[in-house]
C-alpha atoms as a PDB file:
ATOM      1  CA  MET A   1       5.725   0.634 -42.785  1.00  0.00           C
ATOM      2  CA  PRO A   2       9.280   2.045 -42.751  1.00  0.00           C
ATOM      3  CA  SER A   3      11.050   2.482 -39.422  1.00  0.00           C
ATOM      4  CA  ALA A   4      10.906   6.285 -39.528  1.00  0.00           C
ATOM      5  CA  SER A   5       7.139   6.406 -40.026  1.00  0.00           C
ATOM      6  CA  LEU A   6       6.673   3.663 -37.417  1.00  0.00           C
ATOM      7  CA  ALA A   7       8.632   5.686 -34.893  1.00  0.00           C
ATOM      8  CA  GLN A   8       6.429   8.677 -35.680  1.00  0.00           C
ATOM      9  CA  ALA A   9       3.331   6.514 -35.198  1.00  0.00           C
ATOM     10  CA  TYR A  10       4.490   5.640 -31.675  1.00  0.00           C
ATOM     11  CA  THR A  11       5.325   9.143 -30.463  1.00  0.00           C
ATOM     12  CA  CYS A  12       4.050   8.187 -27.007  1.00  0.00           C
ATOM     13  CA  LEU A  13       6.751   5.550 -26.411  1.00  0.00           C
ATOM     14  CA  PRO A  14       8.497   5.944 -23.039  1.00  0.00           C
ATOM     15  CA  ASP A  15      11.465   8.307 -23.099  1.00  0.00           C
ATOM     16  CA  ASP A  16      13.959   5.503 -22.363  1.00  0.00           C
ATOM     17  CA  VAL A  17      13.048   3.635 -25.576  1.00  0.00           C
ATOM     18  CA  ASP A  18      15.106   4.695 -28.582  1.00  0.00           C
ATOM     19  CA  ARG A  19      12.500   5.045 -31.310  1.00  0.00           C
ATOM     20  CA  ARG A  20      15.109   4.329 -34.002  1.00  0.00           C
ATOM     21  CA  SER A  21      15.786   0.859 -32.604  1.00  0.00           C
ATOM     22  CA  LEU A  22      12.269  -0.611 -32.756  1.00  0.00           C
ATOM     23  CA  ASP A  23      13.496  -3.193 -35.273  1.00  0.00           C
ATOM     24  CA  THR A  24      16.560  -4.258 -33.276  1.00  0.00           C
ATOM     25  CA  VAL A  25      15.340  -4.405 -29.666  1.00  0.00           C
ATOM     26  CA  ARG A  26      14.241  -7.952 -28.764  1.00  0.00           C
ATOM     27  CA  THR A  27      11.532  -8.955 -26.317  1.00  0.00           C
ATOM     28  CA  THR A  28      11.789 -11.981 -24.037  1.00  0.00           C
ATOM     29  CA  SER A  29       9.522 -13.834 -26.483  1.00  0.00           C
ATOM     30  CA  GLY A  30      12.184 -13.374 -29.191  1.00  0.00           C
ATOM     31  CA  THR A  31      10.337 -10.894 -31.414  1.00  0.00           C
ATOM     32  CA  THR A  32      11.351  -7.336 -32.127  1.00  0.00           C
ATOM     33  CA  LEU A  33       9.700  -4.541 -30.200  1.00  0.00           C
ATOM     34  CA  ARG A  34       8.066  -3.383 -33.434  1.00  0.00           C
ATOM     35  CA  ARG A  35       6.440  -6.793 -33.991  1.00  0.00           C
ATOM     36  CA  ALA A  36       5.316  -6.972 -30.374  1.00  0.00           C
ATOM     37  CA  LEU A  37       3.644  -3.575 -30.664  1.00  0.00           C
ATOM     38  CA  ARG A  38       2.025  -4.474 -33.986  1.00  0.00           C
ATOM     39  CA  SER A  39       0.767  -7.823 -32.694  1.00  0.00           C
ATOM     40  CA  VAL A  40      -1.303  -6.085 -30.007  1.00  0.00           C
ATOM     41  CA  ARG A  41      -2.275  -3.247 -32.375  1.00  0.00           C
ATOM     42  CA  ALA A  42      -0.599  -0.659 -30.163  1.00  0.00           C
ATOM     43  CA  ARG A  43      -1.582   2.967 -30.575  1.00  0.00           C
ATOM     44  CA  CYS A  44      -1.181   6.256 -28.764  1.00  0.00           C
ATOM     45  CA  SER A  45      -4.033   7.416 -26.562  1.00  0.00           C
ATOM     46  CA  ARG A  46      -4.314  10.946 -25.214  1.00  0.00           C
ATOM     47  CA  ARG A  47      -5.549   9.696 -21.865  1.00  0.00           C
ATOM     48  CA  ALA A  48      -3.395   6.616 -21.268  1.00  0.00           C
ATOM     49  CA  GLY A  49      -0.364   6.953 -23.564  1.00  0.00           C
ATOM     50  CA  LEU A  50       0.678   3.770 -25.369  1.00  0.00           C
ATOM     51  CA  VAL A  51      -2.202   1.248 -25.312  1.00  0.00           C
ATOM     52  CA  ILE A  52      -3.194  -2.073 -26.902  1.00  0.00           C
ATOM     53  CA  SER A  53      -6.266  -2.293 -29.132  1.00  0.00           C
ATOM     54  CA  SER A  54      -8.589  -2.846 -26.146  1.00  0.00           C
ATOM     55  CA  GLY A  55      -7.347   0.382 -24.527  1.00  0.00           C
ATOM     56  CA  ARG A  56      -5.247  -1.285 -21.820  1.00  0.00           C
ATOM     57  CA  PRO A  57      -2.010   0.677 -21.198  1.00  0.00           C
ATOM     58  CA  ILE A  58       1.315  -0.852 -22.239  1.00  0.00           C
ATOM     59  CA  LYS A  59       4.352  -0.947 -19.946  1.00  0.00           C
ATOM     60  CA  ILE A  60       7.741  -1.747 -21.511  1.00  0.00           C
ATOM     61  CA  PHE A  61       9.799  -3.474 -18.833  1.00  0.00           C
ATOM     62  CA  GLN A  62      13.576  -3.901 -18.951  1.00  0.00           C
ATOM     63  CA  ARG A  63      14.601  -7.247 -17.404  1.00  0.00           C
ATOM     64  CA  GLN A  64      17.395  -7.003 -14.830  1.00  0.00           C
ATOM     65  CA  ASP A  65      18.246 -10.689 -14.343  1.00  0.00           C
ATOM     66  CA  CYS A  66      20.923 -11.073 -17.033  1.00  0.00           C
ATOM     67  CA  TRP A  67      24.483 -10.569 -15.859  1.00  0.00           C
ATOM     68  CA  GLY A  68      27.906 -10.929 -17.389  1.00  0.00           C
ATOM     69  CA  ASN A  69      29.351 -11.470 -13.920  1.00  0.00           C
ATOM     70  CA  PRO A  70      26.386 -12.369 -11.678  1.00  0.00           C
ATOM     71  CA  PRO A  71      26.191 -11.335  -8.044  1.00  0.00           C
ATOM     72  CA  ALA A  72      26.447 -13.941  -5.278  1.00  0.00           C
ATOM     73  CA  GLU A  73      23.552 -16.401  -5.089  1.00  0.00           C
ATOM     74  CA  PRO A  74      21.556 -14.878  -2.197  1.00  0.00           C
ATOM     75  CA  GLU A  75      21.661 -11.418  -3.792  1.00  0.00           C
ATOM     76  CA  ARG A  76      20.848 -12.805  -7.262  1.00  0.00           C
ATOM     77  CA  SER A  77      17.833 -14.722  -5.934  1.00  0.00           C
ATOM     78  CA  GLU A  78      16.557 -11.612  -4.174  1.00  0.00           C
ATOM     79  CA  ILE A  79      16.915  -9.492  -7.324  1.00  0.00           C
ATOM     80  CA  VAL A  80      15.047 -12.081  -9.416  1.00  0.00           C
ATOM     81  CA  ARG A  81      12.325 -12.495  -6.755  1.00  0.00           C
ATOM     82  CA  ALA A  82      11.820  -8.717  -6.518  1.00  0.00           C
ATOM     83  CA  GLN A  83      11.697  -8.394 -10.300  1.00  0.00           C
ATOM     84  CA  GLU A  84       9.101 -11.151 -10.660  1.00  0.00           C
ATOM     85  CA  GLY A  85       6.985  -9.493  -7.962  1.00  0.00           C
ATOM     86  CA  GLU A  86       7.194  -6.162  -9.774  1.00  0.00           C
ATOM     87  CA  ILE A  87       6.182  -7.809 -13.076  1.00  0.00           C
ATOM     88  CA  ARG A  88       3.171  -9.495 -11.425  1.00  0.00           C
ATOM     89  CA  LYS A  89       2.113  -6.153  -9.952  1.00  0.00           C
ATOM     90  CA  LEU A  90       2.485  -4.366 -13.305  1.00  0.00           C
ATOM     91  CA  LYS A  91       0.471  -7.055 -15.129  1.00  0.00           C
ATOM     92  CA  ARG A  92      -2.561  -6.245 -12.965  1.00  0.00           C
ATOM     93  CA  ARG A  93      -2.807  -2.825 -14.592  1.00  0.00           C
ATOM     94  CA  TYR A  94      -0.743  -2.950 -17.804  1.00  0.00           C
ATOM     95  CA  TYR A  95      -0.062  -5.125 -20.798  1.00  0.00           C
ATOM     96  CA  VAL A  96       3.639  -5.785 -20.110  1.00  0.00           C
ATOM     97  CA  ILE A  97       6.230  -6.181 -22.875  1.00  0.00           C
ATOM     98  CA  GLN A  98       9.479  -7.474 -21.390  1.00  0.00           C
ATOM     99  CA  ILE A  99      12.744  -6.504 -23.050  1.00  0.00           C
ATOM    100  CA  ALA A 100      15.441  -9.172 -22.970  1.00  0.00           C
ATOM    101  CA  CYS A 101      18.510  -8.455 -20.838  1.00  0.00           C
ATOM    102  CA  ASN A 102      20.373  -5.304 -21.908  1.00  0.00           C
ATOM    103  CA  ASP A 103      18.697  -4.904 -25.291  1.00  0.00           C
ATOM    104  CA  LEU A 104      16.807  -1.705 -24.455  1.00  0.00           C
ATOM    105  CA  LYS A 105      18.579   1.363 -25.784  1.00  0.00           C
ATOM    106  CA  ILE A 106      18.646   3.978 -23.032  1.00  0.00           C
ATOM    107  CA  ASN A 107      18.776   7.572 -24.268  1.00  0.00           C
END
């Protein structure tokens, strides 16, 4: 499926995801966002938005623990710890797709 029609198929993507970059944005597992969505048979649901084939909602999470110039160790550890806690909490309710570092294109 061409990128344009794929972007139209996922009209319920979160606003901060650039629909034109589905083939360039990488997940933490190394695949593109498009492949990650296809692998779970993602679709749009009127009630829940973007969902996997079982109906579980999808949350696209931008990782924050990649720095060009990292903060001091105590602050860095706290940021990573808080992020991991947030991911665990999200996974209770959502199927979480994690975007690697700064690869998510913010509109």
